[in-house]
């Protein structure tokens, strides 16, 4: 199935004040505004139980607000406020050796050194990648948007390529898919697919629905295996552009 052209669903109504009640809008209207069908057709699909909000089946009259996660046709979307006329979203291809902090006490290079300069705002990283992990890092000038994309309740997919030292038995793959207990709670790979397997090392494509610290590496380490290379290639429906070089960034339409 072709991936949708949007990851975010926008609320078109405006709140009366920044600190007023949570802004909500009817689900079928939000979906229709995103071009996912007519309001009448979407109401029918909601009535038939084909749409889920925050992991629960939606019903006619369901309303959604910023941060809610909507699932339709196997794809996940995050609802965000539409008060982002000046907001920017950036895709950055992080190389090894860069930290995701503005100032590092050890003097290591940071991703912010390579980002476009802003006036009157600043870049906010959507999640983190550890020092030796490369690949897609999203940044935005909108704090609410960053929070919505990172919130555990949205359970957006993060896809990685990883090279693992040594032989990896099928039993290990089954265990990592079924789930294990880490020091900060249960964890599992939503999907794990071999790319190449050999005696000295193997490559895998793995998918998570959360972003805990070093979670991919810790999952493999729980089975006595070490990850020697790790690269994030997708966050939700946003893929790392093939032509985007390491250490470079590319603007993304915030409605994409």
Foldseek 3Di string as FASTA:
>chain_A
DDDDPFQEFEDPDDDPDPPDDFDKDFPLVSCVVLVNDDSVVVLVCLCVQQKDKLNHRHHGPDIDGALIWMDHPRAIHGYHYPPPPPKWKKKAWAAAFAFDDPDDPVPTHHLLVLDDDDDPFDWDWLATDDRHETEIIMIMRDPSVSCSLQPLSNLAKWKKKWKKFAFDDPVLLVDQQVWDADPVGIHHWVDKAWPAGDGGITMIMTMGSHHPDPVVQVSQVVVVMGTPYMYTQDTRHDGGDPPRDHSHMDIDDNRD
